[in-house]
Every structure is written in C-alpha cells, then in structure tokens.
Amino acid sequence: QVQLVESGGGLVQPGGSLRLSCAASGFTFSQYTMSWYRQAPRKERELVATITSAIGHTNYLDSVKGRFTISRDNAKNLVYLQMNSLKPEDTAVYYCNAQRGFVSSWGQGTQVTVSS
C-alpha cells in the first residue's frame, strides 16, 4: 500500500526558511518521479517542484526558482523541499506526490503559513 507522509510545515515569518519532508513506503521509491504541489485557499493545486527517478532532474514553478530546492534520498525513501526566502504568497497546503506512468499517489498535506 502506497503511503506518503509529509512533515515540516508550520508558521514562519517572511524571509524565513522551512524544510518539508515526505516519507514514502509501499512502493519502489527509486522508480518514481516525486513532486511537491501546493494549494492555497480558493486556488487550484499547482505543481511546485519535481525530481525524476533516474538522474534526479529537477524542475520548478517559476515563482519559486532560486528559493526552493527539491531533493531525494533513495536509500531512505525520502523527498525534501527546502524553502528559503519565504513569502506570504507561499502560504498553502503542500502535498507530496509520487508518479510512475499512470499511477499517481498523494500524501495528506502539510500546512505552510508565511506571516508576520
């Protein structure tokens, strides 16, 4: 059974940093593309960052480029999202996603609030 559990969210002041983690189990983690999405109130869910399974190629939402870094540890079945220089508009629920072909699984999400 695929399970994705996010952690690391919280309240942070503008300009601050957070590191989100996603612990994966129940599937061959190294074979899946891993992504972070977010959904702010009254907005659609959007793709924030992706890291591929093989060579670890990354891709980012334009608004987070240079501030966020996605990484993975295939030995520990973990994917991370390091978020620096956080802005109020980064406030959202952040979701971990695992995808391989047509198979896509989601975590329960972790709240990130950027506010003074």
C-alpha atoms as a PDB file:
ATOM      1  CA  GLN A   1       0.000   0.000   0.000  1.00  0.00           C
ATOM      2  CA  VAL A   2       1.455   3.312  -1.103  1.00  0.00           C
ATOM      3  CA  GLN A   3       1.887   5.765   1.734  1.00  0.00           C
ATOM      4  CA  LEU A   4       3.268   9.293   1.632  1.00  0.00           C
ATOM      5  CA  VAL A   5       3.602  11.251   4.858  1.00  0.00           C
ATOM      6  CA  GLU A   6       4.583  14.913   4.776  1.00  0.00           C
ATOM      7  CA  SER A   7       6.099  16.798   7.688  1.00  0.00           C
ATOM      8  CA  GLY A   8       7.932  20.031   8.402  1.00  0.00           C
ATOM      9  CA  GLY A   9       5.241  22.592   7.789  1.00  0.00           C
ATOM     10  CA  GLY A  10       4.443  25.417  10.159  1.00  0.00           C
ATOM     11  CA  LEU A  11       4.305  29.149  10.703  1.00  0.00           C
ATOM     12  CA  VAL A  12       7.289  31.204   9.554  1.00  0.00           C
ATOM     13  CA  GLN A  13       7.949  34.898   9.092  1.00  0.00           C
ATOM     14  CA  PRO A  14       8.541  36.370   5.641  1.00  0.00           C
ATOM     15  CA  GLY A  15      12.138  35.781   4.609  1.00  0.00           C
ATOM     16  CA  GLY A  16      12.378  32.660   6.719  1.00  0.00           C
ATOM     17  CA  SER A  17      13.032  29.049   5.778  1.00  0.00           C
ATOM     18  CA  LEU A  18      11.389  25.669   6.169  1.00  0.00           C
ATOM     19  CA  ARG A  19      12.291  22.180   5.049  1.00  0.00           C
ATOM     20  CA  LEU A  20       9.475  19.835   4.171  1.00  0.00           C
ATOM     21  CA  SER A  21       9.982  16.082   4.189  1.00  0.00           C
ATOM     22  CA  CYS A  22       7.954  13.304   2.626  1.00  0.00           C
ATOM     23  CA  ALA A  23       8.433   9.747   3.847  1.00  0.00           C
ATOM     24  CA  ALA A  24       7.423   7.137   1.284  1.00  0.00           C
ATOM     25  CA  SER A  25       6.571   3.482   1.739  1.00  0.00           C
ATOM     26  CA  GLY A  26       4.777   0.662  -0.010  1.00  0.00           C
ATOM     27  CA  PHE A  27       6.398   1.052  -3.424  1.00  0.00           C
ATOM     28  CA  THR A  28       9.786   1.092  -5.132  1.00  0.00           C
ATOM     29  CA  PHE A  29      10.613   4.703  -4.361  1.00  0.00           C
ATOM     30  CA  SER A  30      13.627   4.976  -6.652  1.00  0.00           C
ATOM     31  CA  GLN A  31      11.484   4.218  -9.711  1.00  0.00           C
ATOM     32  CA  TYR A  32       9.022   7.066  -9.153  1.00  0.00           C
ATOM     33  CA  THR A  33       9.101  10.713 -10.083  1.00  0.00           C
ATOM     34  CA  MET A  34       8.489  12.708  -6.920  1.00  0.00           C
ATOM     35  CA  SER A  35       6.879  16.120  -6.789  1.00  0.00           C
ATOM     36  CA  TRP A  36       5.652  18.772  -4.408  1.00  0.00           C
ATOM     37  CA  TYR A  37       2.381  20.545  -5.104  1.00  0.00           C
ATOM     38  CA  ARG A  38       0.617  23.250  -3.156  1.00  0.00           C
ATOM     39  CA  GLN A  39      -2.890  24.565  -2.839  1.00  0.00           C
ATOM     40  CA  ALA A  40      -3.758  27.923  -1.379  1.00  0.00           C
ATOM     41  CA  PRO A  41      -7.281  28.793  -0.209  1.00  0.00           C
ATOM     42  CA  ARG A  42      -9.666  29.337  -3.119  1.00  0.00           C
ATOM     43  CA  LYS A  43      -6.963  28.443  -5.628  1.00  0.00           C
ATOM     44  CA  GLU A  44      -6.215  25.386  -7.720  1.00  0.00           C
ATOM     45  CA  ARG A  45      -3.482  22.969  -6.777  1.00  0.00           C
ATOM     46  CA  GLU A  46      -0.238  23.833  -8.554  1.00  0.00           C
ATOM     47  CA  LEU A  47       2.996  21.972  -9.233  1.00  0.00           C
ATOM     48  CA  VAL A  48       5.864  23.467  -7.247  1.00  0.00           C
ATOM     49  CA  ALA A  49       8.817  21.183  -7.936  1.00  0.00           C
ATOM     50  CA  THR A  50       9.614  17.800  -9.484  1.00  0.00           C
ATOM     51  CA  ILE A  51      12.571  15.441  -9.298  1.00  0.00           C
ATOM     52  CA  THR A  52      12.819  12.499 -11.668  1.00  0.00           C
ATOM     53  CA  SER A  53      13.531   8.945 -10.676  1.00  0.00           C
ATOM     54  CA  ALA A  54      16.639   8.156 -12.654  1.00  0.00           C
ATOM     55  CA  ILE A  55      19.070  11.033 -12.925  1.00  0.00           C
ATOM     56  CA  GLY A  56      17.290  13.291 -10.490  1.00  0.00           C
ATOM     57  CA  HIS A  57      16.496  16.011 -12.969  1.00  0.00           C
ATOM     58  CA  THR A  58      14.605  18.864 -11.301  1.00  0.00           C
ATOM     59  CA  ASN A  59      12.041  21.371 -12.452  1.00  0.00           C
ATOM     60  CA  TYR A  60      10.416  24.284 -10.624  1.00  0.00           C
ATOM     61  CA  LEU A  61       7.493  26.643 -10.715  1.00  0.00           C
ATOM     62  CA  ASP A  62       8.822  29.974 -11.962  1.00  0.00           C
ATOM     63  CA  SER A  63       7.830  31.830  -8.808  1.00  0.00           C
ATOM     64  CA  VAL A  64       9.950  29.558  -6.576  1.00  0.00           C
ATOM     65  CA  LYS A  65      13.062  29.238  -8.759  1.00  0.00           C
ATOM     66  CA  GLY A  66      16.156  30.243  -6.836  1.00  0.00           C
ATOM     67  CA  ARG A  67      14.330  29.966  -3.493  1.00  0.00           C
ATOM     68  CA  PHE A  68      13.164  26.336  -3.297  1.00  0.00           C
ATOM     69  CA  THR A  69      15.199  23.164  -3.772  1.00  0.00           C
ATOM     70  CA  ILE A  70      13.801  19.672  -4.192  1.00  0.00           C
ATOM     71  CA  SER A  71      15.979  16.669  -3.394  1.00  0.00           C
ATOM     72  CA  ARG A  72      15.595  12.961  -2.730  1.00  0.00           C
ATOM     73  CA  ASP A  73      17.323  10.219  -0.770  1.00  0.00           C
ATOM     74  CA  ASN A  74      16.562   6.924  -2.475  1.00  0.00           C
ATOM     75  CA  ALA A  75      18.262   4.953   0.292  1.00  0.00           C
ATOM     76  CA  LYS A  76      15.890   6.380   2.897  1.00  0.00           C
ATOM     77  CA  ASN A  77      12.781   6.763   0.704  1.00  0.00           C
ATOM     78  CA  LEU A  78      12.603  10.465   1.431  1.00  0.00           C
ATOM     79  CA  VAL A  79      11.995  13.548  -0.664  1.00  0.00           C
ATOM     80  CA  TYR A  80      12.620  17.050   0.607  1.00  0.00           C
ATOM     81  CA  LEU A  81      11.634  20.578  -0.262  1.00  0.00           C
ATOM     82  CA  GLN A  82      13.971  23.221   1.111  1.00  0.00           C
ATOM     83  CA  MET A  83      12.174  26.551   1.055  1.00  0.00           C
ATOM     84  CA  ASN A  84      14.145  29.756   1.588  1.00  0.00           C
ATOM     85  CA  SER A  85      13.208  33.435   1.391  1.00  0.00           C
ATOM     86  CA  LEU A  86       9.597  32.535   2.007  1.00  0.00           C
ATOM     87  CA  LYS A  87       6.898  35.000   1.019  1.00  0.00           C
ATOM     88  CA  PRO A  88       3.291  35.369   2.190  1.00  0.00           C
ATOM     89  CA  GLU A  89       2.157  34.130  -1.216  1.00  0.00           C
ATOM     90  CA  ASP A  90       3.863  30.800  -0.487  1.00  0.00           C
ATOM     91  CA  THR A  91       1.194  30.135   2.135  1.00  0.00           C
ATOM     92  CA  ALA A  92      -0.593  26.911   1.193  1.00  0.00           C
ATOM     93  CA  VAL A  93      -1.041  23.262   1.989  1.00  0.00           C
ATOM     94  CA  TYR A  94       1.914  21.422   0.460  1.00  0.00           C
ATOM     95  CA  TYR A  95       1.387  17.923  -0.894  1.00  0.00           C
ATOM     96  CA  CYS A  96       3.849  15.201  -1.806  1.00  0.00           C
ATOM     97  CA  ASN A  97       3.139  13.226  -4.983  1.00  0.00           C
ATOM     98  CA  ALA A  98       4.619  10.013  -6.372  1.00  0.00           C
ATOM     99  CA  GLN A  99       4.097   9.176 -10.028  1.00  0.00           C
ATOM    100  CA  ARG A 100       5.101   6.418 -12.406  1.00  0.00           C
ATOM    101  CA  GLY A 101       3.239   6.164 -15.671  1.00  0.00           C
ATOM    102  CA  PHE A 102      -0.483   6.430 -14.917  1.00  0.00           C
ATOM    103  CA  VAL A 103      -0.025   5.646 -11.223  1.00  0.00           C
ATOM    104  CA  SER A 104      -0.177   8.725  -9.002  1.00  0.00           C
ATOM    105  CA  SER A 105      -0.382   8.871  -5.220  1.00  0.00           C
ATOM    106  CA  TRP A 106      -0.745  11.735  -2.765  1.00  0.00           C
ATOM    107  CA  GLY A 107       0.101  12.489   0.822  1.00  0.00           C
ATOM    108  CA  GLN A 108      -2.282  14.194   3.239  1.00  0.00           C
ATOM    109  CA  GLY A 109      -0.513  17.545   3.030  1.00  0.00           C
ATOM    110  CA  THR A 110       1.244  19.854   5.453  1.00  0.00           C
ATOM    111  CA  GLN A 111       0.295  23.468   6.108  1.00  0.00           C
ATOM    112  CA  VAL A 112       2.832  26.214   5.464  1.00  0.00           C
ATOM    113  CA  THR A 113       1.903  29.697   6.652  1.00  0.00           C
ATOM    114  CA  VAL A 114       4.140  32.677   5.956  1.00  0.00           C
ATOM    115  CA  SER A 115       3.086  35.634   8.038  1.00  0.00           C
ATOM    116  CA  SER A 116       4.472  38.279  10.336  1.00  0.00           C
END
